[in-house]
Each structure stands twice: as structure tokens, then as C-alpha cells.
N, C-alpha and C. Protein backbone atom coordinates (compact mmCIF):
# COMPACT_ATOMS: atom_id res chain seq x y z
N MET A 1 7.64 4.08 -4.90
CA MET A 1 6.94 2.88 -4.42
C MET A 1 5.65 3.29 -3.72
N ARG A 2 4.59 2.57 -4.02
CA ARG A 2 3.28 2.91 -3.44
C ARG A 2 3.02 2.12 -2.16
N GLU A 3 2.28 2.76 -1.25
CA GLU A 3 1.83 2.07 -0.05
C GLU A 3 0.44 1.48 -0.28
N LEU A 4 0.08 0.52 0.55
CA LEU A 4 -1.25 -0.09 0.51
C LEU A 4 -2.06 0.39 1.70
N ILE A 5 -3.18 1.04 1.42
CA ILE A 5 -4.09 1.52 2.46
C ILE A 5 -5.35 0.68 2.42
N LEU A 6 -5.77 0.20 3.57
CA LEU A 6 -7.04 -0.52 3.68
C LEU A 6 -8.06 0.40 4.33
N LYS A 7 -9.13 0.71 3.58
CA LYS A 7 -10.20 1.57 4.09
C LYS A 7 -11.42 0.70 4.37
N MET A 8 -11.84 0.69 5.62
CA MET A 8 -12.98 -0.13 6.02
C MET A 8 -13.87 0.65 6.97
N SER A 9 -15.17 0.38 6.90
CA SER A 9 -16.12 0.88 7.90
C SER A 9 -16.35 -0.22 8.93
N MET A 10 -16.52 0.19 10.18
CA MET A 10 -16.79 -0.81 11.22
C MET A 10 -17.68 -0.22 12.29
N SER A 11 -18.30 -1.11 13.03
CA SER A 11 -19.17 -0.71 14.13
C SER A 11 -18.34 -0.35 15.36
N LEU A 12 -19.01 0.23 16.36
CA LEU A 12 -18.31 0.57 17.60
C LEU A 12 -17.71 -0.65 18.28
N ASP A 13 -18.35 -1.82 18.10
CA ASP A 13 -17.82 -3.02 18.73
C ASP A 13 -16.94 -3.84 17.79
N GLY A 14 -16.45 -3.22 16.71
CA GLY A 14 -15.37 -3.81 15.93
C GLY A 14 -15.74 -4.72 14.79
N PHE A 15 -16.99 -4.71 14.35
CA PHE A 15 -17.40 -5.58 13.26
C PHE A 15 -17.53 -4.79 11.95
N VAL A 16 -17.12 -5.42 10.84
CA VAL A 16 -17.20 -4.76 9.54
C VAL A 16 -18.44 -5.17 8.76
N SER A 17 -19.16 -6.15 9.26
CA SER A 17 -20.46 -6.53 8.70
C SER A 17 -21.18 -7.39 9.71
N ASP A 18 -22.46 -7.67 9.47
CA ASP A 18 -23.14 -8.62 10.34
C ASP A 18 -22.74 -10.04 9.94
N LEU A 19 -23.31 -11.03 10.58
CA LEU A 19 -22.89 -12.42 10.35
C LEU A 19 -23.21 -12.90 8.95
N GLU A 20 -24.13 -12.23 8.26
CA GLU A 20 -24.48 -12.59 6.88
C GLU A 20 -23.71 -11.76 5.86
N GLY A 21 -22.79 -10.93 6.32
CA GLY A 21 -22.00 -10.11 5.41
C GLY A 21 -22.67 -8.82 5.00
N ARG A 22 -23.80 -8.46 5.61
CA ARG A 22 -24.51 -7.23 5.26
C ARG A 22 -23.97 -6.05 6.07
N ASN A 23 -23.93 -4.88 5.42
CA ASN A 23 -23.38 -3.71 6.12
C ASN A 23 -24.15 -2.44 5.78
N GLY A 24 -25.46 -2.56 5.57
CA GLY A 24 -26.27 -1.39 5.27
C GLY A 24 -26.26 -0.36 6.37
N TRP A 25 -25.92 -0.74 7.60
CA TRP A 25 -25.86 0.19 8.72
C TRP A 25 -24.81 1.27 8.53
N MET A 26 -23.85 1.06 7.62
CA MET A 26 -22.76 2.03 7.49
C MET A 26 -23.14 3.24 6.65
N PHE A 27 -24.27 3.19 5.94
CA PHE A 27 -24.60 4.25 5.00
C PHE A 27 -25.46 5.31 5.67
N GLY A 28 -24.81 6.16 6.45
CA GLY A 28 -25.50 7.24 7.13
C GLY A 28 -25.57 8.48 6.25
N ASP A 29 -26.11 9.56 6.79
CA ASP A 29 -26.26 10.80 6.04
C ASP A 29 -25.53 11.91 6.79
N ASP A 30 -24.21 11.87 6.72
CA ASP A 30 -23.36 12.87 7.36
C ASP A 30 -22.50 13.49 6.27
N PRO A 31 -22.86 14.67 5.76
CA PRO A 31 -22.12 15.27 4.64
C PRO A 31 -20.63 15.46 4.93
N ALA A 32 -20.29 15.81 6.17
CA ALA A 32 -18.88 16.04 6.50
C ALA A 32 -18.09 14.74 6.42
N ALA A 33 -18.65 13.65 6.95
CA ALA A 33 -17.97 12.35 6.89
C ALA A 33 -17.83 11.89 5.45
N LYS A 34 -18.90 12.06 4.68
CA LYS A 34 -18.87 11.61 3.29
C LYS A 34 -17.85 12.40 2.48
N ALA A 35 -17.79 13.72 2.68
CA ALA A 35 -16.82 14.55 1.96
C ALA A 35 -15.40 14.12 2.30
N TRP A 36 -15.14 13.82 3.58
CA TRP A 36 -13.81 13.37 4.00
C TRP A 36 -13.44 12.05 3.32
N LEU A 37 -14.39 11.13 3.27
CA LEU A 37 -14.12 9.83 2.68
C LEU A 37 -13.96 9.91 1.17
N VAL A 38 -14.71 10.80 0.52
CA VAL A 38 -14.55 10.99 -0.93
C VAL A 38 -13.16 11.53 -1.23
N GLU A 39 -12.73 12.53 -0.45
CA GLU A 39 -11.39 13.08 -0.64
C GLU A 39 -10.32 12.02 -0.44
N THR A 40 -10.52 11.18 0.57
CA THR A 40 -9.58 10.09 0.83
C THR A 40 -9.54 9.11 -0.33
N THR A 41 -10.71 8.82 -0.91
CA THR A 41 -10.77 7.90 -2.04
C THR A 41 -10.04 8.46 -3.25
N TRP A 42 -10.15 9.75 -3.47
CA TRP A 42 -9.43 10.39 -4.58
C TRP A 42 -7.91 10.29 -4.41
N ASN A 43 -7.45 10.21 -3.18
CA ASN A 43 -6.01 10.20 -2.91
C ASN A 43 -5.44 8.79 -3.09
N SER A 44 -5.69 8.21 -4.24
CA SER A 44 -5.18 6.87 -4.54
C SER A 44 -4.97 6.76 -6.04
N SER A 45 -4.14 5.82 -6.43
CA SER A 45 -3.87 5.61 -7.86
C SER A 45 -4.38 4.27 -8.36
N LEU A 46 -4.90 3.45 -7.44
CA LEU A 46 -5.41 2.12 -7.83
C LEU A 46 -6.36 1.63 -6.76
N HIS A 47 -7.51 1.09 -7.19
CA HIS A 47 -8.42 0.39 -6.30
C HIS A 47 -8.15 -1.11 -6.43
N ILE A 48 -8.05 -1.81 -5.32
CA ILE A 48 -7.96 -3.27 -5.38
C ILE A 48 -9.08 -3.88 -4.56
N MET A 49 -9.53 -5.06 -4.98
CA MET A 49 -10.67 -5.71 -4.32
C MET A 49 -10.69 -7.19 -4.72
N GLY A 50 -11.47 -7.96 -3.98
CA GLY A 50 -11.69 -9.35 -4.34
C GLY A 50 -12.75 -9.46 -5.43
N SER A 51 -12.91 -10.67 -5.96
CA SER A 51 -13.79 -10.85 -7.11
C SER A 51 -15.26 -10.60 -6.77
N ARG A 52 -15.69 -10.96 -5.56
CA ARG A 52 -17.09 -10.75 -5.20
C ARG A 52 -17.40 -9.25 -5.11
N SER A 53 -16.52 -8.49 -4.48
CA SER A 53 -16.72 -7.04 -4.40
C SER A 53 -16.68 -6.42 -5.79
N PHE A 54 -15.80 -6.93 -6.65
CA PHE A 54 -15.72 -6.42 -8.02
C PHE A 54 -17.07 -6.58 -8.72
N ARG A 55 -17.67 -7.73 -8.58
CA ARG A 55 -18.95 -7.96 -9.25
C ARG A 55 -20.03 -7.03 -8.73
N ASP A 56 -20.06 -6.86 -7.40
CA ASP A 56 -21.06 -5.97 -6.82
C ASP A 56 -20.85 -4.53 -7.27
N MET A 57 -19.60 -4.09 -7.25
CA MET A 57 -19.31 -2.71 -7.61
C MET A 57 -19.52 -2.45 -9.09
N ALA A 58 -19.17 -3.44 -9.93
CA ALA A 58 -19.33 -3.27 -11.37
C ALA A 58 -20.79 -3.15 -11.76
N ALA A 59 -21.68 -3.63 -10.92
CA ALA A 59 -23.11 -3.53 -11.20
C ALA A 59 -23.69 -2.20 -10.70
N TRP A 60 -22.91 -1.44 -9.95
CA TRP A 60 -23.46 -0.23 -9.34
C TRP A 60 -22.78 1.05 -9.81
N TRP A 61 -21.44 1.11 -9.72
CA TRP A 61 -20.75 2.37 -9.91
C TRP A 61 -20.80 2.94 -11.33
N PRO A 62 -20.79 2.13 -12.40
CA PRO A 62 -20.73 2.73 -13.74
C PRO A 62 -21.84 3.72 -14.04
N THR A 63 -23.02 3.56 -13.45
CA THR A 63 -24.13 4.49 -13.71
C THR A 63 -24.50 5.33 -12.50
N SER A 64 -23.77 5.19 -11.41
CA SER A 64 -24.12 5.90 -10.19
C SER A 64 -23.78 7.39 -10.31
N THR A 65 -24.63 8.23 -9.72
CA THR A 65 -24.35 9.66 -9.65
C THR A 65 -23.98 10.07 -8.21
N ASP A 66 -23.72 9.10 -7.36
CA ASP A 66 -23.28 9.36 -6.00
C ASP A 66 -21.95 10.12 -6.02
N THR A 67 -21.67 10.86 -4.95
CA THR A 67 -20.42 11.63 -4.92
C THR A 67 -19.18 10.74 -4.88
N PHE A 68 -19.33 9.48 -4.51
CA PHE A 68 -18.21 8.54 -4.56
C PHE A 68 -17.95 8.03 -5.98
N ALA A 69 -18.89 8.19 -6.89
CA ALA A 69 -18.79 7.58 -8.20
C ALA A 69 -17.58 8.05 -9.01
N PRO A 70 -17.27 9.37 -9.07
CA PRO A 70 -16.12 9.78 -9.88
C PRO A 70 -14.81 9.09 -9.51
N PRO A 71 -14.39 9.08 -8.23
CA PRO A 71 -13.14 8.37 -7.95
C PRO A 71 -13.26 6.86 -8.12
N MET A 72 -14.43 6.29 -7.82
CA MET A 72 -14.58 4.85 -7.99
C MET A 72 -14.50 4.45 -9.46
N ASN A 73 -15.02 5.29 -10.36
CA ASN A 73 -15.02 4.96 -11.78
C ASN A 73 -13.71 5.35 -12.47
N GLN A 74 -13.15 6.48 -12.11
CA GLN A 74 -12.05 7.04 -12.90
C GLN A 74 -10.67 6.55 -12.48
N ILE A 75 -10.54 6.02 -11.27
CA ILE A 75 -9.26 5.47 -10.82
C ILE A 75 -9.18 4.01 -11.26
N PRO A 76 -8.03 3.57 -11.81
CA PRO A 76 -7.90 2.19 -12.28
C PRO A 76 -8.19 1.16 -11.19
N LYS A 77 -8.58 -0.02 -11.65
CA LYS A 77 -8.95 -1.11 -10.74
C LYS A 77 -8.05 -2.34 -10.94
N ALA A 78 -7.86 -3.09 -9.86
CA ALA A 78 -7.26 -4.42 -9.95
C ALA A 78 -8.12 -5.35 -9.12
N VAL A 79 -8.44 -6.50 -9.69
CA VAL A 79 -9.28 -7.47 -8.99
C VAL A 79 -8.47 -8.74 -8.76
N PHE A 80 -8.54 -9.25 -7.54
CA PHE A 80 -7.82 -10.47 -7.18
C PHE A 80 -8.76 -11.65 -7.31
N SER A 81 -8.38 -12.58 -8.19
CA SER A 81 -9.24 -13.72 -8.47
C SER A 81 -8.39 -14.91 -8.89
N ARG A 82 -8.66 -16.07 -8.31
CA ARG A 82 -7.95 -17.27 -8.71
C ARG A 82 -8.34 -17.72 -10.11
N GLN A 83 -9.44 -17.18 -10.62
CA GLN A 83 -9.85 -17.50 -11.99
C GLN A 83 -8.98 -16.81 -13.04
N GLY A 84 -8.20 -15.84 -12.61
CA GLY A 84 -7.37 -15.11 -13.55
C GLY A 84 -8.22 -14.32 -14.53
N ALA A 85 -7.73 -14.18 -15.76
CA ALA A 85 -8.42 -13.38 -16.78
C ALA A 85 -9.79 -13.96 -17.11
N ALA A 86 -10.01 -15.25 -16.78
CA ALA A 86 -11.33 -15.85 -17.04
C ALA A 86 -12.43 -15.14 -16.28
N LEU A 87 -12.05 -14.40 -15.22
CA LEU A 87 -13.04 -13.64 -14.46
C LEU A 87 -13.83 -12.70 -15.37
N LEU A 88 -13.15 -12.08 -16.33
CA LEU A 88 -13.80 -11.09 -17.19
C LEU A 88 -14.82 -11.72 -18.12
N HIS A 89 -14.72 -13.04 -18.31
CA HIS A 89 -15.67 -13.74 -19.17
C HIS A 89 -16.63 -14.60 -18.37
N ASP A 90 -16.50 -14.51 -17.04
CA ASP A 90 -17.38 -15.28 -16.17
C ASP A 90 -18.78 -14.68 -16.21
N PRO A 91 -19.82 -15.48 -16.36
CA PRO A 91 -21.17 -14.92 -16.49
C PRO A 91 -21.57 -13.92 -15.41
N PRO A 92 -21.30 -14.17 -14.12
CA PRO A 92 -21.69 -13.17 -13.13
C PRO A 92 -21.00 -11.82 -13.33
N ALA A 93 -19.72 -11.85 -13.74
CA ALA A 93 -18.99 -10.60 -13.91
C ALA A 93 -19.48 -9.83 -15.13
N THR A 94 -19.59 -10.50 -16.26
CA THR A 94 -20.03 -9.82 -17.46
C THR A 94 -21.49 -9.41 -17.33
N ALA A 95 -22.29 -10.22 -16.67
CA ALA A 95 -23.70 -9.87 -16.48
C ALA A 95 -23.84 -8.62 -15.63
N ALA A 96 -22.93 -8.44 -14.65
CA ALA A 96 -23.00 -7.26 -13.79
C ALA A 96 -22.82 -5.99 -14.60
N LEU A 97 -21.80 -5.98 -15.48
CA LEU A 97 -21.56 -4.79 -16.28
C LEU A 97 -22.65 -4.60 -17.32
N ASP A 98 -23.12 -5.69 -17.92
CA ASP A 98 -24.21 -5.59 -18.90
C ASP A 98 -25.46 -5.03 -18.23
N ALA A 99 -25.72 -5.45 -16.99
CA ALA A 99 -26.90 -4.96 -16.28
C ALA A 99 -26.78 -3.46 -16.03
N ALA A 100 -25.57 -3.01 -15.68
CA ALA A 100 -25.37 -1.57 -15.46
C ALA A 100 -25.61 -0.79 -16.73
N ARG A 101 -25.11 -1.30 -17.85
CA ARG A 101 -25.29 -0.60 -19.12
C ARG A 101 -26.75 -0.60 -19.54
N SER A 102 -27.43 -1.73 -19.32
CA SER A 102 -28.85 -1.79 -19.65
C SER A 102 -29.65 -0.82 -18.80
N HIS A 103 -29.28 -0.75 -17.52
CA HIS A 103 -29.95 0.18 -16.61
C HIS A 103 -29.74 1.61 -17.08
N ALA A 104 -28.52 1.89 -17.55
CA ALA A 104 -28.22 3.23 -18.04
C ALA A 104 -29.05 3.56 -19.27
N ALA A 105 -29.28 2.58 -20.12
CA ALA A 105 -29.99 2.83 -21.37
C ALA A 105 -31.48 3.02 -21.16
N HIS A 106 -32.03 2.46 -20.10
CA HIS A 106 -33.48 2.46 -19.93
C HIS A 106 -33.97 3.31 -18.76
N THR A 107 -33.05 3.88 -17.98
CA THR A 107 -33.45 4.66 -16.83
C THR A 107 -33.03 6.10 -17.02
N GLN A 108 -34.00 7.00 -16.99
CA GLN A 108 -33.70 8.41 -17.20
C GLN A 108 -32.71 8.90 -16.14
N GLY A 109 -31.69 9.64 -16.61
CA GLY A 109 -30.70 10.19 -15.71
C GLY A 109 -29.66 9.20 -15.24
N LYS A 110 -29.62 8.01 -15.82
CA LYS A 110 -28.67 7.00 -15.39
C LYS A 110 -27.72 6.64 -16.53
N ALA A 111 -27.16 7.64 -17.17
CA ALA A 111 -26.19 7.39 -18.23
C ALA A 111 -24.90 6.82 -17.64
N LEU A 112 -24.15 6.11 -18.49
CA LEU A 112 -22.85 5.61 -18.07
C LEU A 112 -21.97 6.81 -17.71
N GLN A 113 -21.45 6.81 -16.51
CA GLN A 113 -20.69 7.94 -16.00
C GLN A 113 -19.24 7.93 -16.50
N PRO A 114 -18.57 9.10 -16.50
CA PRO A 114 -17.17 9.13 -16.93
C PRO A 114 -16.32 8.13 -16.17
N GLY A 115 -15.62 7.32 -16.92
CA GLY A 115 -14.79 6.28 -16.33
C GLY A 115 -15.53 4.99 -16.04
N GLY A 116 -16.86 4.97 -16.23
CA GLY A 116 -17.63 3.77 -15.93
C GLY A 116 -17.22 2.55 -16.72
N GLU A 117 -16.69 2.80 -17.93
CA GLU A 117 -16.27 1.67 -18.76
C GLU A 117 -15.04 0.96 -18.20
N SER A 118 -14.36 1.60 -17.23
CA SER A 118 -13.14 1.00 -16.68
C SER A 118 -13.40 -0.32 -15.96
N TRP A 119 -14.65 -0.52 -15.54
CA TRP A 119 -14.98 -1.77 -14.84
C TRP A 119 -14.93 -2.97 -15.76
N SER A 120 -14.94 -2.75 -17.08
CA SER A 120 -14.87 -3.88 -18.01
C SER A 120 -13.43 -4.27 -18.33
N ASP A 121 -12.45 -3.51 -17.81
CA ASP A 121 -11.06 -3.80 -18.16
C ASP A 121 -10.13 -3.59 -16.96
N PRO A 122 -10.38 -4.31 -15.84
CA PRO A 122 -9.49 -4.18 -14.69
C PRO A 122 -8.22 -4.99 -14.90
N HIS A 123 -7.20 -4.67 -14.13
CA HIS A 123 -6.06 -5.57 -14.04
C HIS A 123 -6.49 -6.76 -13.20
N VAL A 124 -6.18 -7.97 -13.65
CA VAL A 124 -6.58 -9.17 -12.92
C VAL A 124 -5.33 -9.83 -12.34
N ALA A 125 -5.32 -9.97 -11.02
CA ALA A 125 -4.20 -10.59 -10.30
C ALA A 125 -4.63 -11.96 -9.81
N SER A 126 -3.94 -13.01 -10.25
CA SER A 126 -4.35 -14.37 -9.89
C SER A 126 -3.24 -15.18 -9.23
N GLY A 127 -2.08 -14.56 -9.01
CA GLY A 127 -0.98 -15.29 -8.41
C GLY A 127 -0.99 -15.21 -6.89
N ASP A 128 0.14 -15.55 -6.29
CA ASP A 128 0.30 -15.46 -4.84
C ASP A 128 0.01 -14.04 -4.38
N LEU A 129 -0.78 -13.91 -3.30
CA LEU A 129 -1.23 -12.60 -2.86
C LEU A 129 -0.06 -11.66 -2.56
N ALA A 130 0.90 -12.11 -1.76
CA ALA A 130 2.02 -11.24 -1.39
C ALA A 130 2.84 -10.83 -2.61
N THR A 131 3.03 -11.76 -3.53
CA THR A 131 3.80 -11.46 -4.75
C THR A 131 3.08 -10.44 -5.61
N GLU A 132 1.77 -10.63 -5.76
CA GLU A 132 0.99 -9.69 -6.58
C GLU A 132 0.97 -8.30 -5.94
N ILE A 133 0.81 -8.23 -4.62
CA ILE A 133 0.80 -6.94 -3.94
C ILE A 133 2.16 -6.26 -4.07
N ALA A 134 3.23 -7.01 -3.92
CA ALA A 134 4.58 -6.45 -4.06
C ALA A 134 4.77 -5.86 -5.45
N ARG A 135 4.24 -6.53 -6.46
CA ARG A 135 4.37 -6.05 -7.84
C ARG A 135 3.61 -4.73 -8.00
N LEU A 136 2.42 -4.64 -7.42
CA LEU A 136 1.63 -3.41 -7.54
C LEU A 136 2.27 -2.27 -6.74
N LYS A 137 2.82 -2.60 -5.58
CA LYS A 137 3.46 -1.57 -4.76
C LYS A 137 4.71 -1.01 -5.42
N ALA A 138 5.35 -1.78 -6.27
CA ALA A 138 6.61 -1.35 -6.88
C ALA A 138 6.44 -0.16 -7.81
N ALA A 139 5.23 0.12 -8.28
CA ALA A 139 4.99 1.26 -9.16
C ALA A 139 5.01 2.55 -8.36
N ASP A 140 5.26 3.65 -9.06
CA ASP A 140 5.23 4.96 -8.41
C ASP A 140 3.80 5.51 -8.42
N GLY A 141 3.57 6.51 -7.59
CA GLY A 141 2.27 7.17 -7.60
C GLY A 141 1.62 7.22 -6.23
N LYS A 142 0.37 7.64 -6.23
CA LYS A 142 -0.40 7.71 -4.99
C LYS A 142 -0.63 6.30 -4.44
N PRO A 143 -1.10 6.18 -3.19
CA PRO A 143 -1.27 4.85 -2.59
C PRO A 143 -2.28 3.97 -3.33
N ILE A 144 -2.19 2.69 -3.06
CA ILE A 144 -3.17 1.70 -3.47
C ILE A 144 -4.24 1.66 -2.40
N LEU A 145 -5.50 1.69 -2.79
CA LEU A 145 -6.60 1.68 -1.83
C LEU A 145 -7.34 0.35 -1.93
N ALA A 146 -7.32 -0.41 -0.84
CA ALA A 146 -7.99 -1.72 -0.81
C ALA A 146 -9.40 -1.58 -0.25
N HIS A 147 -10.34 -2.24 -0.88
CA HIS A 147 -11.73 -2.27 -0.44
C HIS A 147 -12.08 -3.69 0.00
N GLY A 148 -12.98 -3.81 1.01
CA GLY A 148 -13.51 -5.13 1.37
C GLY A 148 -14.40 -5.63 0.27
N GLY A 149 -14.87 -6.79 0.34
CA GLY A 149 -15.20 -7.75 1.34
C GLY A 149 -14.24 -8.17 2.44
N VAL A 150 -14.95 -8.79 3.37
CA VAL A 150 -14.29 -9.19 4.60
C VAL A 150 -13.16 -10.18 4.31
N ARG A 151 -13.39 -11.18 3.49
CA ARG A 151 -12.38 -12.22 3.27
C ARG A 151 -11.12 -11.64 2.64
N PHE A 152 -11.28 -10.78 1.64
CA PHE A 152 -10.13 -10.19 0.99
C PHE A 152 -9.37 -9.28 1.96
N ALA A 153 -10.10 -8.46 2.70
CA ALA A 153 -9.47 -7.57 3.67
C ALA A 153 -8.72 -8.37 4.73
N ARG A 154 -9.34 -9.44 5.23
CA ARG A 154 -8.67 -10.27 6.23
C ARG A 154 -7.39 -10.89 5.69
N SER A 155 -7.41 -11.29 4.43
CA SER A 155 -6.21 -11.92 3.84
C SER A 155 -5.06 -10.92 3.76
N LEU A 156 -5.36 -9.66 3.46
CA LEU A 156 -4.32 -8.63 3.43
C LEU A 156 -3.76 -8.40 4.83
N VAL A 157 -4.65 -8.34 5.83
CA VAL A 157 -4.22 -8.11 7.21
C VAL A 157 -3.40 -9.29 7.71
N ALA A 158 -3.87 -10.50 7.47
CA ALA A 158 -3.19 -11.70 7.97
C ALA A 158 -1.78 -11.82 7.40
N ALA A 159 -1.60 -11.38 6.14
CA ALA A 159 -0.29 -11.49 5.50
C ALA A 159 0.61 -10.30 5.80
N GLY A 160 0.14 -9.34 6.58
CA GLY A 160 0.95 -8.20 6.95
C GLY A 160 1.27 -7.27 5.79
N LEU A 161 0.32 -7.12 4.87
CA LEU A 161 0.57 -6.35 3.65
C LEU A 161 0.07 -4.91 3.71
N VAL A 162 -0.64 -4.56 4.78
CA VAL A 162 -1.27 -3.23 4.88
C VAL A 162 -0.31 -2.25 5.54
N ASP A 163 -0.08 -1.12 4.87
CA ASP A 163 0.80 -0.08 5.40
C ASP A 163 0.05 0.94 6.24
N GLU A 164 -1.25 1.08 5.98
CA GLU A 164 -2.04 2.05 6.74
C GLU A 164 -3.49 1.59 6.75
N PHE A 165 -4.15 1.77 7.89
CA PHE A 165 -5.57 1.45 8.05
C PHE A 165 -6.36 2.74 8.20
N ILE A 166 -7.37 2.91 7.36
CA ILE A 166 -8.33 4.00 7.54
C ILE A 166 -9.64 3.34 7.97
N LEU A 167 -9.99 3.50 9.22
CA LEU A 167 -11.15 2.84 9.79
C LEU A 167 -12.22 3.89 10.11
N ALA A 168 -13.33 3.82 9.40
CA ALA A 168 -14.46 4.71 9.66
C ALA A 168 -15.36 4.02 10.68
N VAL A 169 -15.30 4.48 11.91
CA VAL A 169 -16.04 3.84 13.01
C VAL A 169 -17.39 4.54 13.16
N HIS A 170 -18.45 3.77 12.98
CA HIS A 170 -19.81 4.31 12.98
C HIS A 170 -20.48 4.14 14.34
N PRO A 171 -21.38 5.04 14.71
CA PRO A 171 -22.02 4.99 16.03
C PRO A 171 -23.15 3.96 16.08
N VAL A 172 -22.76 2.70 15.92
CA VAL A 172 -23.72 1.61 16.00
C VAL A 172 -23.02 0.40 16.60
N ALA A 173 -23.70 -0.35 17.44
CA ALA A 173 -23.18 -1.59 18.01
C ALA A 173 -23.99 -2.74 17.45
N LEU A 174 -23.31 -3.71 16.84
CA LEU A 174 -24.00 -4.84 16.21
C LEU A 174 -24.22 -6.01 17.17
N GLY A 175 -23.37 -6.13 18.16
CA GLY A 175 -23.50 -7.27 19.07
C GLY A 175 -22.80 -8.51 18.55
N ARG A 176 -23.07 -8.86 17.30
CA ARG A 176 -22.40 -9.99 16.64
C ARG A 176 -22.09 -9.58 15.21
N GLY A 177 -21.05 -10.17 14.65
CA GLY A 177 -20.71 -9.84 13.28
C GLY A 177 -19.36 -10.41 12.89
N LEU A 178 -18.82 -9.92 11.79
CA LEU A 178 -17.55 -10.39 11.25
C LEU A 178 -16.47 -9.34 11.53
N PRO A 179 -15.45 -9.69 12.32
CA PRO A 179 -14.38 -8.74 12.63
C PRO A 179 -13.32 -8.73 11.53
N LEU A 180 -12.57 -7.64 11.48
CA LEU A 180 -11.54 -7.48 10.45
C LEU A 180 -10.28 -8.26 10.77
N PHE A 181 -9.90 -8.33 12.03
CA PHE A 181 -8.58 -8.85 12.39
C PHE A 181 -8.60 -10.30 12.86
N ALA A 182 -9.66 -11.03 12.56
CA ALA A 182 -9.84 -12.38 13.09
C ALA A 182 -8.77 -13.37 12.62
N ASP A 183 -8.18 -13.17 11.45
CA ASP A 183 -7.24 -14.15 10.90
C ASP A 183 -5.78 -13.84 11.19
N ARG A 184 -5.52 -12.83 12.00
CA ARG A 184 -4.13 -12.52 12.35
C ARG A 184 -3.52 -13.66 13.15
N PRO A 185 -2.31 -14.10 12.80
CA PRO A 185 -1.68 -15.18 13.56
C PRO A 185 -1.16 -14.72 14.92
N ALA A 186 -1.03 -13.40 15.11
CA ALA A 186 -0.53 -12.86 16.37
C ALA A 186 -1.07 -11.44 16.50
N PRO A 187 -1.06 -10.87 17.71
CA PRO A 187 -1.51 -9.49 17.87
C PRO A 187 -0.75 -8.53 16.94
N LEU A 188 -1.44 -7.52 16.47
CA LEU A 188 -0.85 -6.53 15.57
C LEU A 188 -0.82 -5.18 16.27
N PRO A 189 0.33 -4.75 16.79
CA PRO A 189 0.41 -3.43 17.43
C PRO A 189 0.21 -2.34 16.38
N LEU A 190 -0.61 -1.34 16.70
CA LEU A 190 -0.89 -0.25 15.78
C LEU A 190 -0.61 1.08 16.46
N ARG A 191 -0.22 2.07 15.66
CA ARG A 191 0.03 3.42 16.15
C ARG A 191 -1.03 4.35 15.56
N LEU A 192 -1.73 5.07 16.42
CA LEU A 192 -2.75 6.00 15.96
C LEU A 192 -2.09 7.23 15.35
N VAL A 193 -2.41 7.50 14.09
CA VAL A 193 -1.86 8.66 13.39
C VAL A 193 -2.74 9.88 13.61
N CYS A 194 -4.04 9.71 13.44
CA CYS A 194 -4.97 10.80 13.70
C CYS A 194 -6.38 10.25 13.86
N SER A 195 -7.22 11.05 14.48
CA SER A 195 -8.63 10.69 14.66
C SER A 195 -9.47 11.91 14.33
N THR A 196 -10.43 11.75 13.41
CA THR A 196 -11.25 12.88 12.96
C THR A 196 -12.71 12.59 13.27
N PRO A 197 -13.31 13.34 14.20
CA PRO A 197 -14.73 13.13 14.51
C PRO A 197 -15.61 13.92 13.53
N PHE A 198 -16.83 13.40 13.31
CA PHE A 198 -17.78 14.05 12.42
C PHE A 198 -19.08 14.34 13.17
N PRO A 199 -19.84 15.34 12.71
CA PRO A 199 -21.06 15.75 13.44
C PRO A 199 -22.06 14.63 13.65
N GLY A 200 -22.14 13.67 12.72
CA GLY A 200 -23.11 12.60 12.85
C GLY A 200 -22.73 11.51 13.83
N GLY A 201 -21.53 11.60 14.43
CA GLY A 201 -21.12 10.63 15.43
C GLY A 201 -20.06 9.65 14.97
N ALA A 202 -19.80 9.56 13.67
CA ALA A 202 -18.75 8.68 13.17
C ALA A 202 -17.37 9.30 13.42
N GLN A 203 -16.35 8.45 13.41
CA GLN A 203 -14.98 8.92 13.53
C GLN A 203 -14.12 8.20 12.49
N ALA A 204 -13.22 8.95 11.86
CA ALA A 204 -12.23 8.34 10.98
C ALA A 204 -10.94 8.20 11.76
N GLN A 205 -10.50 6.97 11.92
CA GLN A 205 -9.28 6.70 12.68
C GLN A 205 -8.24 6.10 11.75
N ILE A 206 -7.07 6.72 11.72
CA ILE A 206 -5.99 6.27 10.85
C ILE A 206 -4.90 5.66 11.71
N TYR A 207 -4.54 4.42 11.40
CA TYR A 207 -3.51 3.69 12.13
C TYR A 207 -2.45 3.19 11.16
N ARG A 208 -1.24 3.07 11.68
CA ARG A 208 -0.15 2.42 10.95
C ARG A 208 0.48 1.35 11.86
N PRO A 209 1.01 0.29 11.29
CA PRO A 209 1.68 -0.71 12.13
C PRO A 209 2.75 -0.06 12.97
N ALA A 210 2.79 -0.40 14.24
CA ALA A 210 3.76 0.22 15.17
C ALA A 210 5.16 -0.32 14.93
């Protein structure tokens, strides 16, 4: 049986994005932090995400040469969407992948990367969230790795479906923004498993429900 890990970046004051959903502040240049996060991403057997994140990622990762690209492309994906399989034929979704392929064809050094085609054939989950997660957890293998957006991440937290939190805390204070735990119906006690500091000031904190 697989566990569900939620990996999120957040500011020192607990926000995972600004009020408009932007999170460009999280992309620092710390090789040690990035290497740790890439290794963590590889330690999964399935990526899950909401439909909006799927569209954004499908437009970027298939041709990316970033060090995150191999695990993002080569590990299978599942997208949660109330549209069901119609998501794959939805103009924004198909346009995202077509744009990536077009970019690959016309931009030197931007060929479709190994596994990039996987974004055109994700598993689509459209049923009850807890039921769908239980079905995915029932398989054997490495953990399931959940990616934000904020709404999808909050829904997993609110339903108590997360077995482990990997929180990359960045040395920035936003003042205002969107918190991860806002939709919890009650306080969620957590147990700190480990904390890993990086030279650039970020820390990776791993928590499990207490």
C-alpha cells in the first residue's frame, strides 16, 4: 500500500503563494536544496495534481531541461478533474501539450524530453476525492507525491488524506498570501520527523500526523 506525500513550498510566515496565486519567490538558486528536492521527487511512483496544475505543467515539463524534468516527465501522472476523461479533450489541456510540442519543434535545444509524452495520457480521477485517493493508495510501490495548486492541496489536507508533509520553507516573508491549512475543520497535530537546512537559507521540514 502506498502513502500519500504532499510536497509544498511555503514562506517563513506560512503562505504557499501570494493572494493572486503567484509563487515565483520560491525559485531560488541553491544547488543543495534543489538536489535534495529532485531526489525526493524521484522517490515516488505517481504524481497527482489538480486540473489547473496539470495544464500548467503539461505546457512546461515535456520540453524542459531542468533537473526536475526527468522525474516530472518519467513518473506516471494522475489528474483530479470533475470533467473526467473530457479533460484530455478540453481545449486548454490539449493546447498546453500542443504548445509544448510546437515549442520543441521550433526552438533549438528544446526537444521533447524522455517521458514528455506521458503528459498526454494521465490517469484521470473524477470521483469522490477520498475514494479516488484510497484506490490509488491501494497499489504497491513508492509513495504518491501530491503537487499544488493551493485548492487541490487544501482539499487533501481538509479530508485528512495526507500521510506525510514535505514542506520546503523559504527565507522570505510575504505578509499576506494563501495558507495551506486554512480549510482544516480542526487543528491538525503534527510530529516533526526531520529538518534539513540548506546553505541558501531554506529548510526542508518533514512532518507526519501525530
